[in-house]
PDB file of N, CA and C in Angstrom:
ATOM      1  N   MET A   1      -2.655 -21.170  -4.351  1.00  0.00           N
ATOM      2  CA  MET A   1      -2.408 -20.791  -3.162  1.00  0.00           C
ATOM      3  C   MET A   1      -1.532 -18.845  -3.693  1.00  0.00           C
ATOM      4  N   HIS A   2      -0.780 -19.315  -4.488  1.00  0.00           N
ATOM      5  CA  HIS A   2       0.210 -18.221  -4.907  1.00  0.00           C
ATOM      6  C   HIS A   2      -0.711 -16.840  -5.283  1.00  0.00           C
ATOM      7  N   LYS A   3      -1.689 -17.749  -6.092  1.00  0.00           N
ATOM      8  CA  LYS A   3      -2.688 -16.536  -7.176  1.00  0.00           C
ATOM      9  C   LYS A   3      -3.238 -15.316  -5.832  1.00  0.00           C
ATOM     10  N   LYS A   4      -3.793 -16.079  -4.739  1.00  0.00           N
ATOM     11  CA  LYS A   4      -4.514 -15.575  -3.803  1.00  0.00           C
ATOM     12  C   LYS A   4      -3.700 -14.521  -3.175  1.00  0.00           C
ATOM     13  N   VAL A   5      -2.296 -14.993  -2.886  1.00  0.00           N
ATOM     14  CA  VAL A   5      -1.314 -14.050  -1.758  1.00  0.00           C
ATOM     15  C   VAL A   5      -1.226 -13.119  -2.973  1.00  0.00           C
ATOM     16  N   ILE A   6      -1.205 -13.032  -4.242  1.00  0.00           N
ATOM     17  CA  ILE A   6      -0.719 -11.947  -5.182  1.00  0.00           C
ATOM     18  C   ILE A   6      -2.018 -11.392  -5.330  1.00  0.00           C
ATOM     19  N   ILE A   7      -3.065 -11.449  -5.303  1.00  0.00           N
ATOM     20  CA  ILE A   7      -4.501 -10.255  -5.011  1.00  0.00           C
ATOM     21  C   ILE A   7      -4.265  -9.395  -3.778  1.00  0.00           C
ATOM     22  N   GLU A   8      -4.215 -10.651  -2.968  1.00  0.00           N
ATOM     23  CA  GLU A   8      -4.278 -10.011  -1.599  1.00  0.00           C
ATOM     24  C   GLU A   8      -3.151  -8.821  -1.296  1.00  0.00           C
ATOM     25  N   SER A   9      -2.191  -9.421  -1.960  1.00  0.00           N
ATOM     26  CA  SER A   9      -1.014  -8.326  -1.876  1.00  0.00           C
ATOM     27  C   SER A   9      -1.211  -7.129  -2.667  1.00  0.00           C
ATOM     28  N   LEU A  10      -2.310  -7.139  -3.890  1.00  0.00           N
ATOM     29  CA  LEU A  10      -2.431  -5.978  -4.784  1.00  0.00           C
ATOM     30  C   LEU A  10      -3.826  -5.317  -3.736  1.00  0.00           C
ATOM     31  N   LYS A  11      -4.763  -5.689  -3.618  1.00  0.00           N
ATOM     32  CA  LYS A  11      -5.150  -5.287  -2.622  1.00  0.00           C
ATOM     33  C   LYS A  11      -5.070  -4.026  -1.301  1.00  0.00           C
ATOM     34  N   VAL A  12      -3.968  -5.018  -0.722  1.00  0.00           N
ATOM     35  CA  VAL A  12      -3.560  -4.344   0.376  1.00  0.00           C
ATOM     36  C   VAL A  12      -2.682  -2.712   0.041  1.00  0.00           C
ATOM     37  N   PHE A  13      -1.876  -3.126  -1.173  1.00  0.00           N
ATOM     38  CA  PHE A  13      -1.038  -1.719  -1.899  1.00  0.00           C
ATOM     39  C   PHE A  13      -1.830  -1.065  -2.268  1.00  0.00           C
ATOM     40  N   GLY A  14      -2.757  -1.631  -2.749  1.00  0.00           N
ATOM     41  CA  GLY A  14      -3.896  -0.234  -3.002  1.00  0.00           C
ATOM     42  C   GLY A  14      -4.478   0.367  -2.464  1.00  0.00           C
ATOM     43  N   VAL A  15      -4.914  -0.372  -1.398  1.00  0.00           N
ATOM     44  CA  VAL A  15      -5.256   0.705  -0.149  1.00  0.00           C
ATOM     45  C   VAL A  15      -4.439   1.813   0.505  1.00  0.00           C
ATOM     46  N   GLY A  16      -3.332   1.330   0.483  1.00  0.00           N
ATOM     47  CA  GLY A  16      -2.497   1.872   1.105  1.00  0.00           C
ATOM     48  C   GLY A  16      -1.491   3.401   0.217  1.00  0.00           C
ATOM     49  N   ALA A  17      -1.704   3.177  -0.843  1.00  0.00           N
ATOM     50  CA  ALA A  17      -1.555   4.061  -2.112  1.00  0.00           C
ATOM     51  C   ALA A  17      -2.853   5.043  -2.078  1.00  0.00           C
ATOM     52  N   ILE A  18      -3.898   4.873  -1.705  1.00  0.00           N
ATOM     53  CA  ILE A  18      -5.356   5.308  -1.635  1.00  0.00           C
ATOM     54  C   ILE A  18      -4.775   6.484  -0.233  1.00  0.00           C
ATOM     55  N   ILE A  19      -4.767   5.532   0.511  1.00  0.00           N
ATOM     56  CA  ILE A  19      -4.253   6.614   1.598  1.00  0.00           C
ATOM     57  C   ILE A  19      -3.190   7.478   1.570  1.00  0.00           C
ATOM     58  N   GLY A  20      -2.255   7.290   0.924  1.00  0.00           N
ATOM     59  CA  GLY A  20      -1.341   7.963   0.167  1.00  0.00           C
ATOM     60  C   GLY A  20      -1.861   9.099  -0.607  1.00  0.00           C
ATOM     61  N   LEU A  21      -2.651   8.967  -1.388  1.00  0.00           N
ATOM     62  CA  LEU A  21      -3.795   9.978  -1.998  1.00  0.00           C
ATOM     63  C   LEU A  21      -3.842  10.957  -1.441  1.00  0.00           C
ATOM     64  N   ILE A  22      -4.723  10.287  -0.226  1.00  0.00           N
ATOM     65  CA  ILE A  22      -5.407  11.311   0.607  1.00  0.00           C
ATOM     66  C   ILE A  22      -4.355  11.976   1.148  1.00  0.00           C
ATOM     67  N   ILE A  23      -3.477  11.479   1.640  1.00  0.00           N
ATOM     68  CA  ILE A  23      -2.105  12.380   2.221  1.00  0.00           C
ATOM     69  C   ILE A  23      -1.641  13.662   1.617  1.00  0.00           C
ATOM     70  N   MET A  24      -1.492  13.114   0.514  1.00  0.00           N
ATOM     71  CA  MET A  24      -1.438  13.993  -0.429  1.00  0.00           C
ATOM     72  C   MET A  24      -2.063  15.379  -0.765  1.00  0.00           C
ATOM     73  N   PHE A  25      -3.532  14.820  -1.165  1.00  0.00           N
ATOM     74  CA  PHE A  25      -4.224  15.762  -1.328  1.00  0.00           C
ATOM     75  C   PHE A  25      -4.105  16.993  -0.248  1.00  0.00           C
ATOM     76  N   PHE A  26      -3.848  16.613   1.197  1.00  0.00           N
ATOM     77  CA  PHE A  26      -4.032  17.312   2.319  1.00  0.00           C
ATOM     78  C   PHE A  26      -2.880  17.954   2.438  1.00  0.00           C
ATOM     79  N   MET A  27      -1.872  17.569   2.146  1.00  0.00           N
ATOM     80  CA  MET A  27      -0.767  18.368   2.473  1.00  0.00           C
ATOM     81  C   MET A  27      -0.625  19.123   1.221  1.00  0.00           C
ATOM     82  N   GLU A  28      -1.201  19.008   0.090  1.00  0.00           N
ATOM     83  CA  GLU A  28      -1.126  19.645  -1.266  1.00  0.00           C
ATOM     84  C   GLU A  28      -0.028  19.617  -1.866  1.00  0.00           C
ATOM     85  N   SER A  29       0.324  18.660  -2.120  1.00  0.00           N
ATOM     86  CA  SER A  29       1.586  18.233  -2.451  1.00  0.00           C
ATOM     87  C   SER A  29       1.511  17.524  -3.899  1.00  0.00           C
ATOM     88  N   ASN A  30       2.742  17.609  -4.913  1.00  0.00           N
ATOM     89  CA  ASN A  30       2.399  17.294  -5.944  1.00  0.00           C
ATOM     90  C   ASN A  30       3.622  15.918  -6.018  1.00  0.00           C
ATOM     91  N   ASN A  31       4.085  15.676  -5.093  1.00  0.00           N
ATOM     92  CA  ASN A  31       5.025  14.390  -4.954  1.00  0.00           C
ATOM     93  C   ASN A  31       4.269  13.040  -5.169  1.00  0.00           C
ATOM     94  N   LEU A  32       4.295  12.472  -6.139  1.00  0.00           N
ATOM     95  CA  LEU A  32       3.977  11.398  -6.494  1.00  0.00           C
ATOM     96  C   LEU A  32       4.617   9.872  -5.709  1.00  0.00           C
ATOM     97  N   THR A  33       5.652  10.209  -5.253  1.00  0.00           N
ATOM     98  CA  THR A  33       6.286   9.179  -4.257  1.00  0.00           C
ATOM     99  C   THR A  33       5.403   8.737  -2.800  1.00  0.00           C
ATOM    100  N   ILE A  34       4.772   9.373  -2.358  1.00  0.00           N
ATOM    101  CA  ILE A  34       3.980   9.361  -0.966  1.00  0.00           C
ATOM    102  C   ILE A  34       2.975   8.544  -1.282  1.00  0.00           C
ATOM    103  N   PRO A  35       2.325   8.051  -2.318  1.00  0.00           N
ATOM    104  CA  PRO A  35       1.179   6.964  -2.513  1.00  0.00           C
ATOM    105  C   PRO A  35       2.078   5.726  -2.509  1.00  0.00           C
ATOM    106  N   PHE A  36       3.093   5.532  -3.515  1.00  0.00           N
ATOM    107  CA  PHE A  36       3.958   4.170  -3.744  1.00  0.00           C
ATOM    108  C   PHE A  36       4.303   4.214  -2.366  1.00  0.00           C
ATOM    109  N   ILE A  37       4.650   4.814  -1.377  1.00  0.00           N
ATOM    110  CA  ILE A  37       5.841   4.426  -0.384  1.00  0.00           C
ATOM    111  C   ILE A  37       4.930   4.356   0.918  1.00  0.00           C
ATOM    112  N   THR A  38       3.555   4.746   0.751  1.00  0.00           N
ATOM    113  CA  THR A  38       2.704   4.830   1.788  1.00  0.00           C
ATOM    114  C   THR A  38       1.885   3.435   1.680  1.00  0.00           C
ATOM    115  N   GLY A  39       1.682   2.783   0.359  1.00  0.00           N
ATOM    116  CA  GLY A  39       1.647   1.280  -0.503  1.00  0.00           C
ATOM    117  C   GLY A  39       2.351   0.303   0.343  1.00  0.00           C
ATOM    118  N   VAL A  40       3.718   0.642   0.268  1.00  0.00           N
ATOM    119  CA  VAL A  40       4.631  -0.308   0.563  1.00  0.00           C
ATOM    120  C   VAL A  40       4.889  -0.586   1.831  1.00  0.00           C
ATOM    121  N   ILE A  41       4.798   0.634   2.424  1.00  0.00           N
ATOM    122  CA  ILE A  41       4.838   0.599   4.341  1.00  0.00           C
ATOM    123  C   ILE A  41       3.098  -0.291   4.908  1.00  0.00           C
ATOM    124  N   THR A  42       2.370   0.053   3.956  1.00  0.00           N
ATOM    125  CA  THR A  42       1.103  -0.899   4.178  1.00  0.00           C
ATOM    126  C   THR A  42       1.234  -2.403   3.913  1.00  0.00           C
ATOM    127  N   LEU A  43       1.460  -2.434   2.713  1.00  0.00           N
ATOM    128  CA  LEU A  43       2.082  -4.085   2.237  1.00  0.00           C
ATOM    129  C   LEU A  43       3.227  -4.992   3.375  1.00  0.00           C
ATOM    130  N   SER A  44       3.849  -3.615   3.763  1.00  0.00           N
ATOM    131  CA  SER A  44       5.404  -4.673   4.498  1.00  0.00           C
ATOM    132  C   SER A  44       4.623  -4.893   6.186  1.00  0.00           C
ATOM    133  N   VAL A  45       3.869  -4.099   6.497  1.00  0.00           N
ATOM    134  CA  VAL A  45       3.042  -4.528   7.999  1.00  0.00           C
ATOM    135  C   VAL A  45       2.485  -5.343   8.052  1.00  0.00           C
ATOM    136  N   TYR A  46       1.421  -5.310   6.701  1.00  0.00           N
ATOM    137  CA  TYR A  46       0.162  -6.336   6.747  1.00  0.00           C
ATOM    138  C   TYR A  46       1.071  -7.775   6.466  1.00  0.00           C
ATOM    139  N   SER A  47       2.038  -8.073   5.332  1.00  0.00           N
ATOM    140  CA  SER A  47       2.497  -9.149   4.993  1.00  0.00           C
ATOM    141  C   SER A  47       3.410  -9.460   6.454  1.00  0.00           C
ATOM    142  N   ARG A  48       3.803  -8.901   7.369  1.00  0.00           N
ATOM    143  CA  ARG A  48       4.663  -9.684   8.718  1.00  0.00           C
ATOM    144  C   ARG A  48       3.765  -9.766   9.539  1.00  0.00           C
ATOM    145  N   GLU A  49       2.042  -8.828   9.624  1.00  0.00           N
ATOM    146  CA  GLU A  49       1.120  -9.804  10.556  1.00  0.00           C
ATOM    147  C   GLU A  49       0.585 -10.783   9.616  1.00  0.00           C
ATOM    148  N   ASN A  50       0.833 -11.179   8.535  1.00  0.00           N
ATOM    149  CA  ASN A  50       0.018 -12.341   7.776  1.00  0.00           C
ATOM    150  C   ASN A  50       0.729 -13.367   7.713  1.00  0.00           C
ATOM    151  N   LEU A  51       2.492 -12.887   7.556  1.00  0.00           N
ATOM    152  CA  LEU A  51       3.270 -13.855   7.092  1.00  0.00           C
ATOM    153  C   LEU A  51       3.140 -14.439   5.745  1.00  0.00           C
ATOM    154  N   PHE A  52       3.283 -13.817   4.893  1.00  0.00           N
ATOM    155  CA  PHE A  52       2.819 -14.202   3.307  1.00  0.00           C
ATOM    156  C   PHE A  52       4.046 -14.410   2.913  1.00  0.00           C
ATOM    157  N   PHE A  53       5.393 -13.551   3.017  1.00  0.00           N
ATOM    158  CA  PHE A  53       6.223 -14.256   2.247  1.00  0.00           C
ATOM    159  C   PHE A  53       7.179 -14.862   3.125  1.00  0.00           C
TER     160      PHE A  53
END
């Protein structure tokens, strides 16, 4: 069960990071914290909905 949760969390974080990279591209920004922050926000929203943690 724990392995499945970790894999699912990494998938969700990766999707959030990709969304952050797209936002960073359109903003023409070099700030690499944007993908990290959007990944964390996506993971926190997803985990709140599914009660992983």
